[in-house]
Amino acid sequence: EQKAIIRGLEGWVRNRRDGTVEAVFVGPEQHVTEIIEACREGPRGAIVTAVDIEDSEDQMLTSLSVSGPFTVLPTA
C-alpha cells in the first residue's frame, strides 16, 4: 500500500483466503512497472513464488468499493 501511494498510483490490494494477494494498479507505466517489481520481492517474511500480470479494464477500480486513490480491501 505504502509503495503504491508513494508512486501516486490508484487501485487496490487485498489478501485472498487461499493465501494469494490480488492487486490492481493504475498510473504511469514506469510506476506500475516499479510496483510490480516490488511485488516480486514482497514484504519482509513473505515468500513470493509467482507474480501473474493481466491487463485490466477500468471497471476493476469501480466494481469494488474503493475509498481513496489506493486502498486495502478486506480479505476475499
C-alpha atoms as a PDB file:
ATOM      1  CA  GLU A   1       0.000   0.000   0.000  1.00  0.00           C
ATOM      2  CA  GLN A   2       2.685   2.497   1.010  1.00  0.00           C
ATOM      3  CA  LYS A   3       4.782   1.870  -2.094  1.00  0.00           C
ATOM      4  CA  ALA A   4       1.748   2.390  -4.329  1.00  0.00           C
ATOM      5  CA  ILE A   5       0.801   5.609  -2.569  1.00  0.00           C
ATOM      6  CA  ILE A   6       4.377   6.943  -2.795  1.00  0.00           C
ATOM      7  CA  ARG A   7       4.246   6.375  -6.554  1.00  0.00           C
ATOM      8  CA  GLY A   8       0.874   8.118  -6.840  1.00  0.00           C
ATOM      9  CA  LEU A   9      -0.896   5.001  -8.106  1.00  0.00           C
ATOM     10  CA  GLU A  10      -4.615   4.365  -7.959  1.00  0.00           C
ATOM     11  CA  GLY A  11      -6.108   0.960  -7.275  1.00  0.00           C
ATOM     12  CA  TRP A  12      -6.422  -1.579  -4.510  1.00  0.00           C
ATOM     13  CA  VAL A  13      -4.844  -4.628  -2.902  1.00  0.00           C
ATOM     14  CA  ARG A  14      -6.339  -7.458  -0.869  1.00  0.00           C
ATOM     15  CA  ASN A  15      -5.381 -10.785   0.631  1.00  0.00           C
ATOM     16  CA  ARG A  16      -7.259 -13.829  -0.569  1.00  0.00           C
ATOM     17  CA  ARG A  17      -8.320 -16.696   1.641  1.00  0.00           C
ATOM     18  CA  ASP A  18      -6.134 -19.093  -0.372  1.00  0.00           C
ATOM     19  CA  GLY A  19      -3.007 -17.163   0.715  1.00  0.00           C
ATOM     20  CA  THR A  20      -2.536 -15.212  -2.504  1.00  0.00           C
ATOM     21  CA  VAL A  21      -2.654 -11.440  -2.884  1.00  0.00           C
ATOM     22  CA  GLU A  22      -4.645  -9.639  -5.575  1.00  0.00           C
ATOM     23  CA  ALA A  23      -3.965  -6.055  -6.648  1.00  0.00           C
ATOM     24  CA  VAL A  24      -4.954  -3.509  -9.282  1.00  0.00           C
ATOM     25  CA  PHE A  25      -2.508  -0.695 -10.076  1.00  0.00           C
ATOM     26  CA  VAL A  26      -3.353   2.273 -12.306  1.00  0.00           C
ATOM     27  CA  GLY A  27      -0.898   5.018 -13.178  1.00  0.00           C
ATOM     28  CA  PRO A  28       2.113   5.881 -15.308  1.00  0.00           C
ATOM     29  CA  GLU A  29       3.670   2.798 -16.905  1.00  0.00           C
ATOM     30  CA  GLN A  30       7.047   3.334 -15.194  1.00  0.00           C
ATOM     31  CA  HIS A  31       5.435   3.488 -11.740  1.00  0.00           C
ATOM     32  CA  VAL A  32       3.301   0.411 -12.396  1.00  0.00           C
ATOM     33  CA  THR A  33       6.416  -1.469 -13.546  1.00  0.00           C
ATOM     34  CA  GLU A  34       8.233  -0.408 -10.369  1.00  0.00           C
ATOM     35  CA  ILE A  35       5.423  -1.611  -8.107  1.00  0.00           C
ATOM     36  CA  ILE A  36       5.250  -4.944  -9.944  1.00  0.00           C
ATOM     37  CA  GLU A  37       8.977  -5.400  -9.324  1.00  0.00           C
ATOM     38  CA  ALA A  38       8.396  -4.598  -5.630  1.00  0.00           C
ATOM     39  CA  CYS A  39       5.679  -7.284  -5.604  1.00  0.00           C
ATOM     40  CA  ARG A  40       8.179  -9.836  -6.899  1.00  0.00           C
ATOM     41  CA  GLU A  41      10.233  -9.239  -3.737  1.00  0.00           C
ATOM     42  CA  GLY A  42       7.304  -8.964  -1.334  1.00  0.00           C
ATOM     43  CA  PRO A  43       7.432  -7.628   2.213  1.00  0.00           C
ATOM     44  CA  ARG A  44       9.814  -8.982   4.836  1.00  0.00           C
ATOM     45  CA  GLY A  45       8.874 -12.543   5.741  1.00  0.00           C
ATOM     46  CA  ALA A  46       6.863 -13.164   2.573  1.00  0.00           C
ATOM     47  CA  ILE A  47       7.590 -15.998   0.188  1.00  0.00           C
ATOM     48  CA  VAL A  48       6.737 -14.902  -3.338  1.00  0.00           C
ATOM     49  CA  THR A  49       6.501 -17.841  -5.730  1.00  0.00           C
ATOM     50  CA  ALA A  50       4.912 -16.074  -8.701  1.00  0.00           C
ATOM     51  CA  VAL A  51       3.508 -12.784  -9.927  1.00  0.00           C
ATOM     52  CA  ASP A  52       0.816 -13.060 -12.585  1.00  0.00           C
ATOM     53  CA  ILE A  53       0.136  -9.911 -14.605  1.00  0.00           C
ATOM     54  CA  GLU A  54      -3.038  -9.176 -16.553  1.00  0.00           C
ATOM     55  CA  ASP A  55      -4.144  -6.051 -18.354  1.00  0.00           C
ATOM     56  CA  SER A  56      -7.413  -4.895 -16.886  1.00  0.00           C
ATOM     57  CA  GLU A  57     -10.273  -2.580 -17.706  1.00  0.00           C
ATOM     58  CA  ASP A  58     -11.086   0.500 -15.620  1.00  0.00           C
ATOM     59  CA  GLN A  59     -14.123  -1.313 -14.260  1.00  0.00           C
ATOM     60  CA  MET A  60     -11.790  -3.227 -11.902  1.00  0.00           C
ATOM     61  CA  LEU A  61     -11.490   0.036  -9.968  1.00  0.00           C
ATOM     62  CA  THR A  62     -15.176   0.869  -9.918  1.00  0.00           C
ATOM     63  CA  SER A  63     -16.535  -2.651  -9.422  1.00  0.00           C
ATOM     64  CA  LEU A  64     -15.368  -2.639  -5.804  1.00  0.00           C
ATOM     65  CA  SER A  65     -15.924  -0.078  -3.109  1.00  0.00           C
ATOM     66  CA  VAL A  66     -12.628   1.803  -3.206  1.00  0.00           C
ATOM     67  CA  SER A  67     -12.163   4.758  -0.879  1.00  0.00           C
ATOM     68  CA  GLY A  68      -9.263   6.961  -1.908  1.00  0.00           C
ATOM     69  CA  PRO A  69      -6.644   6.754  -4.617  1.00  0.00           C
ATOM     70  CA  PHE A  70      -5.192   3.467  -3.322  1.00  0.00           C
ATOM     71  CA  THR A  71      -6.769   1.288  -0.669  1.00  0.00           C
ATOM     72  CA  VAL A  72      -6.552  -2.047   1.097  1.00  0.00           C
ATOM     73  CA  LEU A  73      -9.716  -4.081   0.691  1.00  0.00           C
ATOM     74  CA  PRO A  74     -10.966  -6.766   3.086  1.00  0.00           C
ATOM     75  CA  THR A  75      -9.878 -10.359   2.531  1.00  0.00           C
ATOM     76  CA  ALA A  76     -11.907 -12.091  -0.147  1.00  0.00           C
END
